[in-house]
Amino acid sequence: MTDPKASRARWRANLQGEIDSAALYHTLAKAETNPDIAKVYSKLAAIEEAHAEFWSSRLRAGGGIVPVLRPDLRTQALRWLARHFGPRFVLPTVNTLEHLDSGQYDKQPDAAAAGLPAMERSHARIIEALAGSNPQVLAGGALARLEGRHRGIGSNALRAAVLGANDGLCSNLSLVMGVAGAALSGHAILVTGLAGLLAGACSMAMGEWLSVNTARESNQRQIDVEAAELETVPEEEKEELALIYQAKGLPEAQAKALAERLIANKETALDTLAREELGIDPDDLGGSPWTAAIASFFLFALGAIFPVAPFFFVAGSTAVLASLALSGTILFLIGAGTTLFTGRGILFSGTRQLLIGYAAAGVTFAIGHLIGVAIGG
C-alpha cells in the first residue's frame, strides 16, 4: 500500500521541478531574439505549467497543501545567465538537465497514466535540436546534421584509425619490452609478441562489435518506442514534430503544415520522426558491428606488428633496439597524425607521443627485469 506521506512528498518534488522548468522556459522565450524559437520556448513553458497544475491537483486530492513555490537557486542562476548572455549560453546545460530528467516519470504510475514520460522525452529531444546547432542559421550541412543524414564520418573514421593503431602499438611495445626485460629468448619474445597481437586484436574486435551492436539495439528500441507513440498518440507526435521544425527556424504555420503532411503516412512519419527527433537513420542504425569489428581487428594488428617485426629477423639486444627504433618512428608519426584533430604542432605532438610510448615501455621493461631476476633466483 502506498504511503500517503511519501506520495505527497513526491508530488511536491515533481511540482517544484515543473515550476523550475516553466520559469526557465519563460525566461528563454523572453531572451530569444528569433520569434519562432521564442514561440517554441513559450509552448514548452505552457506544457510545464500544465504539468505543474497536474501535480497541484494531485496534492489537493491527496489532502495535501499546495505550497507557493519559487524557482530553485540553480534555475534562478540559469535564468540570470540567459537574460545577460542569451539562451545559447545556457542551452548546453539545459540540454544536459533535460536528458537527466527525461526518465524521472517512467516509474511513477500516475505520471505514466497521464502521458508525462513521453512528453518529457519530447522536450529533451526538442532542446537537443536547439542546442545542437545555431537555430538562426540552419542551412546546408548544419540542417543535414540535425536531420541525421550527414554525420561527418570521414573525420571520425580517421581518428578511430589513428587511435586504433596507437593502441596496438603501445600495448604490444610494452608487452615485448616487458618480456625482453625478463631476459627471455628471442623466440620466446617473438611468440609472446604475436600472441599479444592476436589477443589484443581479438579483444578490440569483440569490444567494438559489442559496442556497435548494443548501439544498434538501443537505436532500434527507440524507434520501436516512437512507433508505439505514433500509433497511440499521433496528435502529440505531430505537435512534437512541428515544434522541432520551429526549433530549426521554420515559421509556425509552415512547421505545422509540414508536420501535418509527414504524419499522414505512418511509414514516412516513422522514418521522419526517427531522423528528426532521435537523430537515427533507420536504414543504418549506427553502422555494421561486423565491419567495425573487422576494422578494429586490423587497425590494432597493424600497430601491434611493429614492435614484434624485428624479432623475425634478428635477436638479442639488436632486436630490442630495432624494435624500439621502429616503434619510436611510428609513435612519432602517429603523434604527428593527431595534429589533424588537435591543431597542435607536429614536433610537439610527435615528441609527446614518443615519450609516452617509451615511458610505458620503460616501466614494463623494468618490471619484467625485476620479475625475471626474482624468478631466476
Protein backbone atom coordinates (compact mmCIF):
# COMPACT_ATOMS: atom_id res chain seq x y z
CA MET A 1 0.00 0.00 0.00
CA THR A 2 1.32 3.42 -0.97
CA ASP A 3 2.36 5.69 1.88
CA PRO A 4 0.28 8.91 1.57
CA LYS A 5 3.05 10.98 3.14
CA ALA A 6 5.63 9.65 0.68
CA SER A 7 3.26 10.29 -2.21
CA ARG A 8 2.70 13.90 -1.16
CA ALA A 9 6.46 14.41 -0.85
CA ARG A 10 6.92 13.03 -4.35
CA TRP A 11 4.16 15.22 -5.76
CA ARG A 12 5.71 18.31 -4.18
CA ALA A 13 9.11 17.41 -5.64
CA ASN A 14 7.53 16.95 -9.08
CA LEU A 15 5.69 20.25 -8.71
CA GLN A 16 8.96 22.03 -7.87
CA GLY A 17 10.61 20.55 -10.96
CA GLU A 18 7.79 21.68 -13.25
CA ILE A 19 7.81 25.18 -11.76
CA ASP A 20 11.57 25.37 -12.30
CA SER A 21 11.23 24.28 -15.93
CA ALA A 22 8.33 26.62 -16.69
CA ALA A 23 10.17 29.62 -15.23
CA LEU A 24 13.31 28.80 -17.17
CA TYR A 25 11.47 28.39 -20.48
CA HIS A 26 9.60 31.67 -19.97
CA THR A 27 12.94 33.40 -19.46
CA LEU A 28 14.42 31.76 -22.54
CA ALA A 29 11.38 32.86 -24.56
CA LYS A 30 11.82 36.46 -23.45
CA ALA A 31 15.56 36.44 -24.11
CA GLU A 32 15.30 34.75 -27.52
CA THR A 33 15.65 37.15 -30.46
CA ASN A 34 14.21 34.75 -33.03
CA PRO A 35 10.41 34.98 -32.67
CA ASP A 36 9.83 31.44 -33.99
CA ILE A 37 12.25 29.96 -31.48
CA ALA A 38 10.73 32.11 -28.75
CA LYS A 39 7.33 30.54 -29.53
CA VAL A 40 8.84 27.09 -29.04
CA TYR A 41 10.10 28.09 -25.59
CA SER A 42 6.73 29.61 -24.73
CA LYS A 43 4.90 26.42 -25.69
CA LEU A 44 7.32 24.35 -23.65
CA ALA A 45 6.69 26.65 -20.70
CA ALA A 46 2.93 26.29 -21.13
CA ILE A 47 3.26 22.49 -21.15
CA GLU A 48 5.36 22.58 -17.98
CA GLU A 49 2.76 24.82 -16.32
CA ALA A 50 0.09 22.27 -17.25
CA HIS A 51 2.22 19.58 -15.65
CA ALA A 52 2.59 21.74 -12.56
CA GLU A 53 -1.18 22.06 -12.35
CA PHE A 54 -1.47 18.28 -12.66
CA TRP A 55 0.76 17.79 -9.60
CA SER A 56 -1.04 20.56 -7.73
CA SER A 57 -4.33 18.77 -8.33
CA ARG A 58 -2.79 15.52 -7.10
CA LEU A 59 -1.72 17.27 -3.90
CA ARG A 60 -5.15 18.75 -3.33
CA ALA A 61 -6.88 15.43 -4.00
CA GLY A 62 -4.46 13.68 -1.64
CA GLY A 63 -5.25 16.03 1.22
CA GLY A 64 -2.00 17.95 0.98
CA ILE A 65 -1.42 21.69 0.95
CA VAL A 66 -0.26 23.14 -2.35
CA PRO A 67 2.80 25.22 -1.44
CA VAL A 68 3.74 28.52 -3.04
CA LEU A 69 6.98 27.56 -4.71
CA ARG A 70 9.63 29.69 -6.35
CA PRO A 71 12.27 28.52 -8.83
CA ASP A 72 15.26 26.98 -7.07
CA LEU A 73 18.73 28.55 -6.99
CA ARG A 74 20.03 26.61 -9.98
CA THR A 75 17.10 27.72 -12.10
CA GLN A 76 17.49 31.32 -10.96
CA ALA A 77 21.17 31.22 -11.91
CA LEU A 78 20.36 29.83 -15.36
CA ARG A 79 17.68 32.48 -15.87
CA TRP A 80 20.14 35.24 -14.92
CA LEU A 81 22.71 33.90 -17.35
CA ALA A 82 20.11 33.61 -20.12
CA ARG A 83 18.97 37.18 -19.60
CA HIS A 84 22.51 38.59 -19.63
CA PHE A 85 24.28 36.32 -22.13
CA GLY A 86 21.45 34.90 -24.22
CA PRO A 87 19.74 31.49 -24.48
CA ARG A 88 22.62 29.95 -26.45
CA PHE A 89 24.89 30.44 -23.46
CA VAL A 90 22.82 28.16 -21.22
CA LEU A 91 21.38 25.73 -23.78
CA PRO A 92 24.10 23.07 -23.35
CA THR A 93 23.39 22.99 -19.61
CA VAL A 94 19.62 22.95 -20.17
CA ASN A 95 20.09 20.13 -22.67
CA THR A 96 22.03 18.07 -20.13
CA LEU A 97 19.45 18.69 -17.42
CA GLU A 98 16.57 17.74 -19.72
CA HIS A 99 18.22 14.46 -20.61
CA LEU A 100 18.91 13.71 -16.95
CA ASP A 101 15.27 14.41 -16.07
CA SER A 102 13.68 12.77 -19.13
CA GLY A 103 13.25 9.44 -17.34
CA GLN A 104 12.12 10.74 -13.95
CA TYR A 105 8.45 9.87 -14.56
CA ASP A 106 8.98 6.42 -16.07
CA LYS A 107 8.49 4.60 -12.75
CA GLN A 108 5.65 6.80 -11.48
CA PRO A 109 2.32 5.15 -12.41
CA ASP A 110 0.24 8.31 -12.07
CA ALA A 111 2.65 10.24 -14.31
CA ALA A 112 2.73 7.42 -16.85
CA ALA A 113 -1.07 7.30 -16.95
CA ALA A 114 -1.12 11.00 -17.81
CA GLY A 115 1.43 10.57 -20.62
CA LEU A 116 4.10 12.64 -18.89
CA PRO A 117 7.12 10.37 -19.66
CA ALA A 118 6.63 10.68 -23.42
CA MET A 119 6.25 14.44 -23.17
CA GLU A 120 9.40 14.79 -21.07
CA ARG A 121 11.37 12.79 -23.65
CA SER A 122 9.89 15.00 -26.33
CA HIS A 123 11.12 18.11 -24.50
CA ALA A 124 14.59 16.62 -24.22
CA ARG A 125 14.74 15.97 -27.95
CA ILE A 126 13.50 19.46 -28.81
CA ILE A 127 16.10 21.08 -26.56
CA GLU A 128 18.76 18.82 -28.05
CA ALA A 129 17.79 20.03 -31.53
CA LEU A 130 18.11 23.62 -30.35
CA ALA A 131 21.39 23.07 -28.54
CA GLY A 132 22.99 21.06 -31.32
CA SER A 133 23.24 23.89 -33.82
CA ASN A 134 22.53 27.55 -34.38
CA PRO A 135 18.75 27.62 -34.95
CA GLN A 136 19.01 31.02 -36.58
CA VAL A 137 21.36 29.77 -39.29
CA LEU A 138 20.07 26.30 -40.09
CA ALA A 139 21.09 25.52 -43.62
CA GLY A 140 23.32 23.19 -45.60
CA GLY A 141 25.49 20.91 -43.51
CA ALA A 142 24.03 22.05 -40.19
CA LEU A 143 20.49 21.16 -41.23
CA ALA A 144 21.65 17.85 -42.70
CA ARG A 145 23.45 17.03 -39.48
CA LEU A 146 20.35 17.73 -37.42
CA GLU A 147 18.33 15.52 -39.73
CA GLY A 148 20.80 12.66 -39.23
CA ARG A 149 21.67 12.42 -42.94
CA HIS A 150 25.25 13.64 -42.73
CA ARG A 151 27.36 12.57 -39.80
CA GLY A 152 30.83 13.62 -40.88
CA ILE A 153 32.00 10.04 -40.60
CA GLY A 154 35.21 10.71 -42.52
CA SER A 155 36.98 12.56 -39.73
CA ASN A 156 35.66 10.17 -37.08
CA ALA A 157 36.89 7.17 -39.10
CA LEU A 158 40.32 8.76 -39.47
CA ARG A 159 40.51 9.46 -35.75
CA ALA A 160 39.47 5.86 -34.99
CA ALA A 161 42.14 4.54 -37.36
CA VAL A 162 44.91 6.57 -35.74
CA LEU A 163 43.85 5.70 -32.21
CA GLY A 164 43.29 2.03 -33.02
CA ALA A 165 46.79 1.66 -34.46
CA ASN A 166 48.19 3.57 -31.50
CA ASP A 167 46.51 1.18 -29.06
CA GLY A 168 48.05 -1.80 -30.80
CA LEU A 169 51.50 -0.24 -30.97
CA CYS A 170 51.68 0.98 -27.37
CA SER A 171 50.24 -2.16 -25.79
CA ASN A 172 52.39 -4.58 -27.77
CA LEU A 173 55.54 -2.48 -27.39
CA SER A 174 55.02 -2.56 -23.63
CA LEU A 175 54.42 -6.31 -23.73
CA VAL A 176 57.51 -7.01 -25.87
CA MET A 177 59.71 -4.79 -23.72
CA GLY A 178 58.34 -6.45 -20.57
CA VAL A 179 59.35 -9.93 -21.68
CA ALA A 180 62.62 -8.60 -23.09
CA GLY A 181 63.39 -7.16 -19.66
CA ALA A 182 62.88 -10.64 -18.22
CA ALA A 183 65.72 -11.81 -20.50
CA LEU A 184 63.65 -14.32 -22.43
CA SER A 185 64.99 -15.73 -25.68
CA GLY A 186 64.30 -14.05 -28.99
CA HIS A 187 61.99 -16.91 -29.97
CA ALA A 188 60.02 -16.56 -26.75
CA ILE A 189 59.72 -12.79 -27.25
CA LEU A 190 58.51 -13.33 -30.83
CA VAL A 191 55.87 -15.84 -29.76
CA THR A 192 54.77 -13.58 -26.88
CA GLY A 193 54.54 -10.56 -29.19
CA LEU A 194 52.46 -12.43 -31.75
CA ALA A 195 50.20 -13.78 -29.01
CA GLY A 196 49.78 -10.26 -27.67
CA LEU A 197 48.93 -9.02 -31.18
CA LEU A 198 46.26 -11.67 -31.70
CA ALA A 199 44.83 -11.41 -28.18
CA GLY A 200 44.65 -7.62 -28.30
CA ALA A 201 43.20 -7.53 -31.82
CA CYS A 202 40.54 -10.12 -30.94
CA SER A 203 39.68 -8.27 -27.73
CA MET A 204 39.36 -4.96 -29.56
CA ALA A 205 37.24 -6.56 -32.29
CA MET A 206 34.89 -8.19 -29.81
CA GLY A 207 34.60 -4.98 -27.81
CA GLU A 208 33.85 -2.94 -30.93
CA TRP A 209 31.29 -5.49 -32.13
CA LEU A 210 29.55 -5.39 -28.76
CA SER A 211 29.63 -1.59 -28.64
CA VAL A 212 28.17 -1.09 -32.12
CA ASN A 213 25.64 -3.91 -31.74
CA THR A 214 24.47 -2.50 -28.41
CA ALA A 215 24.09 0.92 -30.02
CA ARG A 216 22.07 -0.60 -32.88
CA GLU A 217 19.77 -2.43 -30.46
CA SER A 218 19.32 0.75 -28.44
CA ASN A 219 18.51 2.72 -31.59
CA GLN A 220 16.02 0.08 -32.73
CA ARG A 221 14.40 0.16 -29.30
CA GLN A 222 13.99 3.94 -29.55
CA ILE A 223 12.42 3.57 -33.00
CA ASP A 224 10.03 0.91 -31.65
CA VAL A 225 9.01 3.26 -28.82
CA GLU A 226 8.49 6.04 -31.38
CA ALA A 227 6.34 3.71 -33.49
CA ALA A 228 4.19 2.87 -30.47
CA GLU A 229 3.77 6.56 -29.61
CA LEU A 230 2.89 7.30 -33.24
CA GLU A 231 0.22 4.62 -33.06
CA THR A 232 -1.28 5.68 -29.72
CA VAL A 233 -0.79 9.47 -29.61
CA PRO A 234 -0.39 10.69 -33.22
CA GLU A 235 -1.54 14.22 -32.40
CA GLU A 236 1.19 14.65 -29.79
CA GLU A 237 3.77 13.33 -32.23
CA LYS A 238 2.57 15.78 -34.86
CA GLU A 239 2.83 18.65 -32.39
CA GLU A 240 6.28 17.48 -31.34
CA LEU A 241 7.45 17.36 -34.96
CA ALA A 242 6.07 20.83 -35.59
CA LEU A 243 7.95 22.18 -32.57
CA ILE A 244 11.18 20.61 -33.80
CA TYR A 245 10.80 22.27 -37.19
CA GLN A 246 10.10 25.54 -35.43
CA ALA A 247 13.26 24.98 -33.42
CA LYS A 248 15.10 24.67 -36.71
CA GLY A 249 13.86 28.07 -37.77
CA LEU A 250 10.67 27.39 -39.76
CA PRO A 251 7.73 29.73 -39.14
CA GLU A 252 4.99 28.18 -37.03
CA ALA A 253 2.47 27.86 -39.86
CA GLN A 254 4.96 26.17 -42.19
CA ALA A 255 6.18 23.87 -39.42
CA LYS A 256 2.63 22.73 -38.66
CA ALA A 257 1.82 22.24 -42.34
CA LEU A 258 4.97 20.19 -42.88
CA ALA A 259 4.26 18.08 -39.79
CA GLU A 260 0.68 17.53 -40.98
CA ARG A 261 1.86 16.25 -44.38
CA LEU A 262 4.52 14.00 -42.93
CA ILE A 263 2.33 12.46 -40.24
CA ALA A 264 -0.36 11.47 -42.78
CA ASN A 265 1.68 8.45 -43.92
CA LYS A 266 2.70 6.32 -40.94
CA GLU A 267 5.69 4.73 -42.67
CA THR A 268 7.05 8.07 -43.80
CA ALA A 269 6.14 9.61 -40.46
CA LEU A 270 8.12 7.00 -38.52
CA ASP A 271 11.14 7.44 -40.78
CA THR A 272 10.96 11.20 -40.37
CA LEU A 273 10.45 11.06 -36.61
CA ALA A 274 13.40 8.70 -36.24
CA ARG A 275 15.64 11.08 -38.17
CA GLU A 276 14.34 14.36 -36.82
CA GLU A 277 13.68 13.51 -33.16
CA LEU A 278 16.13 10.72 -32.47
CA GLY A 279 18.88 11.55 -34.95
CA ILE A 280 18.82 7.92 -36.12
CA ASP A 281 18.95 6.70 -39.71
CA PRO A 282 16.55 3.69 -39.70
CA ASP A 283 18.41 2.18 -42.66
CA ASP A 284 21.73 2.28 -40.83
CA LEU A 285 21.05 2.20 -37.07
CA GLY A 286 24.64 3.19 -36.31
CA GLY A 287 26.61 1.01 -38.72
CA SER A 288 27.53 -2.64 -39.09
CA PRO A 289 29.02 -4.30 -35.99
CA TRP A 290 30.93 -6.77 -38.17
CA THR A 291 32.51 -4.01 -40.25
CA ALA A 292 33.51 -2.20 -37.09
CA ALA A 293 34.91 -5.39 -35.55
CA ILE A 294 36.98 -6.31 -38.61
CA ALA A 295 38.31 -2.77 -38.96
CA SER A 296 39.21 -2.67 -35.27
CA PHE A 297 40.99 -6.03 -35.51
CA PHE A 298 43.19 -4.99 -38.43
CA LEU A 299 43.92 -1.49 -37.10
CA PHE A 300 45.09 -2.89 -33.77
CA ALA A 301 47.12 -5.61 -35.52
CA LEU A 302 48.67 -3.02 -37.83
CA GLY A 303 50.00 -1.05 -34.88
CA ALA A 304 50.97 -4.14 -32.88
CA ILE A 305 53.14 -5.69 -35.61
CA PHE A 306 55.84 -3.01 -35.50
CA PRO A 307 57.29 -3.83 -32.04
CA VAL A 308 57.49 -7.53 -32.85
CA ALA A 309 58.64 -7.34 -36.51
CA PRO A 310 62.41 -7.05 -35.83
CA PHE A 311 62.35 -10.32 -33.89
CA PHE A 312 61.56 -12.15 -37.14
CA PHE A 313 65.00 -11.23 -38.47
CA VAL A 314 67.39 -10.59 -35.56
CA ALA A 315 67.71 -11.50 -31.90
CA GLY A 316 69.13 -10.26 -28.62
CA SER A 317 69.83 -6.61 -27.91
CA THR A 318 69.90 -5.84 -31.62
CA ALA A 319 66.27 -6.90 -31.94
CA VAL A 320 65.29 -4.94 -28.83
CA LEU A 321 66.97 -1.76 -30.13
CA ALA A 322 65.47 -2.26 -33.60
CA SER A 323 62.04 -2.73 -32.04
CA LEU A 324 62.42 0.47 -30.05
CA ALA A 325 63.66 2.41 -33.08
CA LEU A 326 60.90 1.18 -35.42
CA SER A 327 58.18 1.62 -32.80
CA GLY A 328 59.52 5.07 -31.90
CA THR A 329 59.32 6.16 -35.52
CA ILE A 330 55.71 5.02 -35.82
CA LEU A 331 54.85 6.57 -32.45
CA PHE A 332 56.17 9.92 -33.68
CA LEU A 333 54.19 9.61 -36.92
CA ILE A 334 51.01 8.75 -35.00
CA GLY A 335 51.54 11.76 -32.74
CA ALA A 336 52.06 13.90 -35.83
CA GLY A 337 48.84 12.47 -37.27
CA THR A 338 46.86 13.63 -34.25
CA THR A 339 47.58 17.23 -35.25
CA LEU A 340 44.81 16.77 -37.83
CA PHE A 341 42.38 16.81 -34.92
CA THR A 342 44.15 18.97 -32.34
CA GLY A 343 45.82 21.69 -34.41
CA ARG A 344 48.98 21.40 -32.27
CA GLY A 345 52.47 21.47 -33.78
CA ILE A 346 53.80 18.30 -35.39
CA LEU A 347 57.07 18.34 -33.41
CA PHE A 348 55.24 18.79 -30.10
CA SER A 349 52.59 16.13 -30.77
CA GLY A 350 55.03 13.63 -32.24
CA THR A 351 57.56 14.03 -29.45
CA ARG A 352 54.88 13.81 -26.77
CA GLN A 353 53.55 10.57 -28.23
CA LEU A 354 57.08 9.19 -28.49
CA LEU A 355 57.87 9.98 -24.86
CA ILE A 356 54.61 8.50 -23.60
CA GLY A 357 55.18 5.28 -25.53
CA TYR A 358 58.78 4.99 -24.42
CA ALA A 359 57.80 5.70 -20.80
CA ALA A 360 55.28 2.84 -20.85
CA ALA A 361 57.84 0.54 -22.46
CA GLY A 362 60.46 1.57 -19.88
CA VAL A 363 58.15 0.78 -16.98
CA THR A 364 57.26 -2.67 -18.31
CA PHE A 365 60.91 -3.41 -19.15
CA ALA A 366 61.92 -2.59 -15.56
CA ILE A 367 59.09 -4.66 -14.08
CA GLY A 368 59.88 -7.54 -16.42
CA HIS A 369 63.54 -7.37 -15.41
CA LEU A 370 62.66 -7.49 -11.70
CA ILE A 371 60.31 -10.44 -12.26
CA GLY A 372 62.90 -12.24 -14.33
CA VAL A 373 65.55 -11.78 -11.66
CA ALA A 374 63.18 -12.88 -8.88
CA ILE A 375 62.04 -15.99 -10.72
CA GLY A 376 65.50 -16.87 -11.97
CA GLY A 377 66.91 -16.60 -8.46
